[in-house]
């Protein structure tokens, strides 16, 4: 059985590759602050973990976009489709970020403790990014 990833457009995964690393670095800077750049081990491991998580989130949102595009294919349904996509993407982004922030805190990854203000900024940023991508 061949695994098929969802495609909303032909450029989905090119966009993901171009946004994954910069967004992962920015997200980790919100999570860890200055220590993120002061430890090579933290920088490399957190960047890899977050990049993989961002790819999973991106692919999940892409799959939902494909399902909604199939469910509401007509031009007259664009508003409904976009409204549902935005709501679902915001919920998924919140769950994704909460899992990442609290997962790092739970395992005490490089002595990290949950950063609520960083979480809020990351949630707003990721929500905007998801909506526009």
C-alpha atoms as a PDB file:
ATOM      1  CA  UNK A   1       0.000   0.000   0.000  1.00  0.00           C
ATOM      2  CA  UNK A   2       1.413   3.351  -1.027  1.00  0.00           C
ATOM      3  CA  UNK A   3       1.205   6.306   1.384  1.00  0.00           C
ATOM      4  CA  UNK A   4      -0.273   9.363  -0.311  1.00  0.00           C
ATOM      5  CA  UNK A   5       0.053  12.733   1.354  1.00  0.00           C
ATOM      6  CA  UNK A   6      -2.717  15.275   0.790  1.00  0.00           C
ATOM      7  CA  UNK A   7      -2.243  18.008  -1.813  1.00  0.00           C
ATOM      8  CA  UNK A   8      -4.317  21.160  -1.846  1.00  0.00           C
ATOM      9  CA  UNK A   9      -2.119  22.680  -4.560  1.00  0.00           C
ATOM     10  CA  UNK A  10       0.957  21.439  -6.424  1.00  0.00           C
ATOM     11  CA  UNK A  11       3.182  23.765  -4.400  1.00  0.00           C
ATOM     12  CA  UNK A  12       2.162  22.615  -0.894  1.00  0.00           C
ATOM     13  CA  UNK A  13       5.352  20.808   0.014  1.00  0.00           C
ATOM     14  CA  UNK A  14       7.634  23.385  -1.581  1.00  0.00           C
ATOM     15  CA  UNK A  15       5.943  25.993   0.622  1.00  0.00           C
ATOM     16  CA  UNK A  16       6.352  23.709   3.632  1.00  0.00           C
ATOM     17  CA  UNK A  17      10.087  23.296   3.004  1.00  0.00           C
ATOM     18  CA  UNK A  18      10.615  27.050   2.605  1.00  0.00           C
ATOM     19  CA  UNK A  19       8.675  27.902   5.760  1.00  0.00           C
ATOM     20  CA  UNK A  20       9.567  24.946   8.012  1.00  0.00           C
ATOM     21  CA  UNK A  21      13.093  25.910   9.123  1.00  0.00           C
ATOM     22  CA  UNK A  22      12.566  29.689   9.572  1.00  0.00           C
ATOM     23  CA  UNK A  23       9.303  29.082  11.425  1.00  0.00           C
ATOM     24  CA  UNK A  24      10.886  26.343  13.562  1.00  0.00           C
ATOM     25  CA  UNK A  25      13.755  28.649  14.539  1.00  0.00           C
ATOM     26  CA  UNK A  26      11.347  31.509  15.330  1.00  0.00           C
ATOM     27  CA  UNK A  27       9.076  29.187  17.297  1.00  0.00           C
ATOM     28  CA  UNK A  28      11.978  27.805  19.326  1.00  0.00           C
ATOM     29  CA  UNK A  29      13.159  31.334  20.044  1.00  0.00           C
ATOM     30  CA  UNK A  30       9.695  32.006  21.533  1.00  0.00           C
ATOM     31  CA  UNK A  31       9.834  28.762  23.491  1.00  0.00           C
ATOM     32  CA  UNK A  32      13.388  28.935  24.856  1.00  0.00           C
ATOM     33  CA  UNK A  33      14.406  32.577  24.449  1.00  0.00           C
ATOM     34  CA  UNK A  34      18.113  33.460  24.320  1.00  0.00           C
ATOM     35  CA  UNK A  35      19.332  30.058  25.578  1.00  0.00           C
ATOM     36  CA  UNK A  36      18.141  28.584  22.258  1.00  0.00           C
ATOM     37  CA  UNK A  37      21.146  30.119  20.492  1.00  0.00           C
ATOM     38  CA  UNK A  38      23.631  29.606  23.333  1.00  0.00           C
ATOM     39  CA  UNK A  39      23.633  25.793  23.289  1.00  0.00           C
ATOM     40  CA  UNK A  40      24.456  23.854  20.137  1.00  0.00           C
ATOM     41  CA  UNK A  41      22.750  20.731  21.499  1.00  0.00           C
ATOM     42  CA  UNK A  42      19.572  22.641  22.317  1.00  0.00           C
ATOM     43  CA  UNK A  43      19.597  24.455  18.975  1.00  0.00           C
ATOM     44  CA  UNK A  44      20.002  21.305  16.879  1.00  0.00           C
ATOM     45  CA  UNK A  45      17.688  19.003  18.835  1.00  0.00           C
ATOM     46  CA  UNK A  46      14.904  21.558  19.344  1.00  0.00           C
ATOM     47  CA  UNK A  47      15.078  22.657  15.706  1.00  0.00           C
ATOM     48  CA  UNK A  48      14.760  19.061  14.483  1.00  0.00           C
ATOM     49  CA  UNK A  49      11.914  18.225  16.888  1.00  0.00           C
ATOM     50  CA  UNK A  50      10.017  21.390  16.068  1.00  0.00           C
ATOM     51  CA  UNK A  51      10.614  21.081  12.311  1.00  0.00           C
ATOM     52  CA  UNK A  52       9.181  17.548  12.330  1.00  0.00           C
ATOM     53  CA  UNK A  53       6.215  18.745  14.390  1.00  0.00           C
ATOM     54  CA  UNK A  54       5.645  21.704  12.048  1.00  0.00           C
ATOM     55  CA  UNK A  55       5.695  19.323   9.063  1.00  0.00           C
ATOM     56  CA  UNK A  56       3.099  17.100  10.744  1.00  0.00           C
ATOM     57  CA  UNK A  57       0.914  20.122  11.536  1.00  0.00           C
ATOM     58  CA  UNK A  58       1.289  21.443   7.981  1.00  0.00           C
ATOM     59  CA  UNK A  59       0.406  18.061   6.473  1.00  0.00           C
ATOM     60  CA  UNK A  60      -2.588  17.649   8.788  1.00  0.00           C
ATOM     61  CA  UNK A  61      -3.895  21.108   7.891  1.00  0.00           C
ATOM     62  CA  UNK A  62      -3.305  20.325   4.211  1.00  0.00           C
ATOM     63  CA  UNK A  63      -5.322  17.131   4.549  1.00  0.00           C
ATOM     64  CA  UNK A  64      -8.173  19.017   6.167  1.00  0.00           C
ATOM     65  CA  UNK A  65      -8.032  21.635   3.413  1.00  0.00           C
ATOM     66  CA  UNK A  66      -8.297  18.868   0.795  1.00  0.00           C
ATOM     67  CA  UNK A  67     -11.258  17.273   2.586  1.00  0.00           C
ATOM     68  CA  UNK A  68     -13.054  20.606   2.885  1.00  0.00           C
ATOM     69  CA  UNK A  69     -12.329  21.437  -0.751  1.00  0.00           C
ATOM     70  CA  UNK A  70     -13.912  18.125  -1.759  1.00  0.00           C
ATOM     71  CA  UNK A  71     -16.840  18.579   0.632  1.00  0.00           C
ATOM     72  CA  UNK A  72     -17.526  22.181  -0.461  1.00  0.00           C
ATOM     73  CA  UNK A  73     -16.295  22.335  -4.087  1.00  0.00           C
ATOM     74  CA  UNK A  74     -18.514  25.065  -5.459  1.00  0.00           C
ATOM     75  CA  UNK A  75     -17.653  28.757  -5.716  1.00  0.00           C
ATOM     76  CA  UNK A  76     -20.811  29.542  -3.768  1.00  0.00           C
ATOM     77  CA  UNK A  77     -19.385  27.553  -0.829  1.00  0.00           C
ATOM     78  CA  UNK A  78     -16.017  29.324  -0.615  1.00  0.00           C
ATOM     79  CA  UNK A  79     -16.979  31.403   2.426  1.00  0.00           C
ATOM     80  CA  UNK A  80     -18.225  28.351   4.308  1.00  0.00           C
ATOM     81  CA  UNK A  81     -15.106  26.370   3.348  1.00  0.00           C
ATOM     82  CA  UNK A  82     -12.741  29.166   4.377  1.00  0.00           C
ATOM     83  CA  UNK A  83     -14.559  29.792   7.660  1.00  0.00           C
ATOM     84  CA  UNK A  84     -14.384  26.093   8.564  1.00  0.00           C
ATOM     85  CA  UNK A  85     -10.727  25.899   7.525  1.00  0.00           C
ATOM     86  CA  UNK A  86      -9.788  28.894   9.672  1.00  0.00           C
ATOM     87  CA  UNK A  87     -11.632  27.558  12.724  1.00  0.00           C
ATOM     88  CA  UNK A  88     -10.181  24.049  12.351  1.00  0.00           C
ATOM     89  CA  UNK A  89      -6.662  25.351  11.641  1.00  0.00           C
ATOM     90  CA  UNK A  90      -6.783  27.558  14.751  1.00  0.00           C
ATOM     91  CA  UNK A  91      -7.897  24.615  16.890  1.00  0.00           C
ATOM     92  CA  UNK A  92      -5.204  22.342  15.433  1.00  0.00           C
ATOM     93  CA  UNK A  93      -2.554  25.052  15.838  1.00  0.00           C
ATOM     94  CA  UNK A  94      -3.518  25.583  19.458  1.00  0.00           C
ATOM     95  CA  UNK A  95      -3.382  21.863  20.208  1.00  0.00           C
ATOM     96  CA  UNK A  96      -0.102  21.465  18.317  1.00  0.00           C
ATOM     97  CA  UNK A  97       1.572  24.363  20.117  1.00  0.00           C
ATOM     98  CA  UNK A  98       0.211  23.407  23.516  1.00  0.00           C
ATOM     99  CA  UNK A  99       1.544  19.875  22.993  1.00  0.00           C
ATOM    100  CA  UNK A 100       4.951  21.201  21.975  1.00  0.00           C
ATOM    101  CA  UNK A 101       5.256  23.759  24.796  1.00  0.00           C
ATOM    102  CA  UNK A 102       3.878  21.457  27.491  1.00  0.00           C
ATOM    103  CA  UNK A 103       5.800  18.442  26.147  1.00  0.00           C
ATOM    104  CA  UNK A 104       9.077  20.309  26.501  1.00  0.00           C
ATOM    105  CA  UNK A 105       8.035  21.406  30.012  1.00  0.00           C
ATOM    106  CA  UNK A 106       6.862  17.933  31.029  1.00  0.00           C
ATOM    107  CA  UNK A 107      10.165  16.263  30.137  1.00  0.00           C
ATOM    108  CA  UNK A 108      12.144  19.279  31.411  1.00  0.00           C
ATOM    109  CA  UNK A 109      13.848  19.572  28.020  1.00  0.00           C
ATOM    110  CA  UNK A 110      16.973  21.651  28.745  1.00  0.00           C
ATOM    111  CA  UNK A 111      15.280  22.847  31.986  1.00  0.00           C
ATOM    112  CA  UNK A 112      12.418  24.427  30.055  1.00  0.00           C
ATOM    113  CA  UNK A 113       9.282  25.521  31.901  1.00  0.00           C
ATOM    114  CA  UNK A 114       6.050  26.532  30.170  1.00  0.00           C
ATOM    115  CA  UNK A 115       6.279  30.063  28.782  1.00  0.00           C
ATOM    116  CA  UNK A 116       2.720  31.426  28.582  1.00  0.00           C
ATOM    117  CA  UNK A 117       3.547  34.715  26.827  1.00  0.00           C
ATOM    118  CA  UNK A 118       5.677  32.849  24.263  1.00  0.00           C
ATOM    119  CA  UNK A 119       2.784  30.418  23.767  1.00  0.00           C
ATOM    120  CA  UNK A 120       0.322  33.244  23.065  1.00  0.00           C
ATOM    121  CA  UNK A 121       2.646  34.934  20.567  1.00  0.00           C
ATOM    122  CA  UNK A 122       3.387  31.580  18.899  1.00  0.00           C
ATOM    123  CA  UNK A 123      -0.341  30.762  18.708  1.00  0.00           C
ATOM    124  CA  UNK A 124      -1.185  34.064  17.059  1.00  0.00           C
ATOM    125  CA  UNK A 125       1.775  33.750  14.655  1.00  0.00           C
ATOM    126  CA  UNK A 126       1.024  30.155  13.743  1.00  0.00           C
ATOM    127  CA  UNK A 127      -2.665  30.916  13.303  1.00  0.00           C
ATOM    128  CA  UNK A 128      -1.845  33.716  10.869  1.00  0.00           C
ATOM    129  CA  UNK A 129       0.689  31.543   9.055  1.00  0.00           C
ATOM    130  CA  UNK A 130      -1.763  28.631   8.742  1.00  0.00           C
ATOM    131  CA  UNK A 131      -4.519  30.862   7.421  1.00  0.00           C
ATOM    132  CA  UNK A 132      -2.316  32.473   4.776  1.00  0.00           C
ATOM    133  CA  UNK A 133      -0.554  29.284   3.695  1.00  0.00           C
END
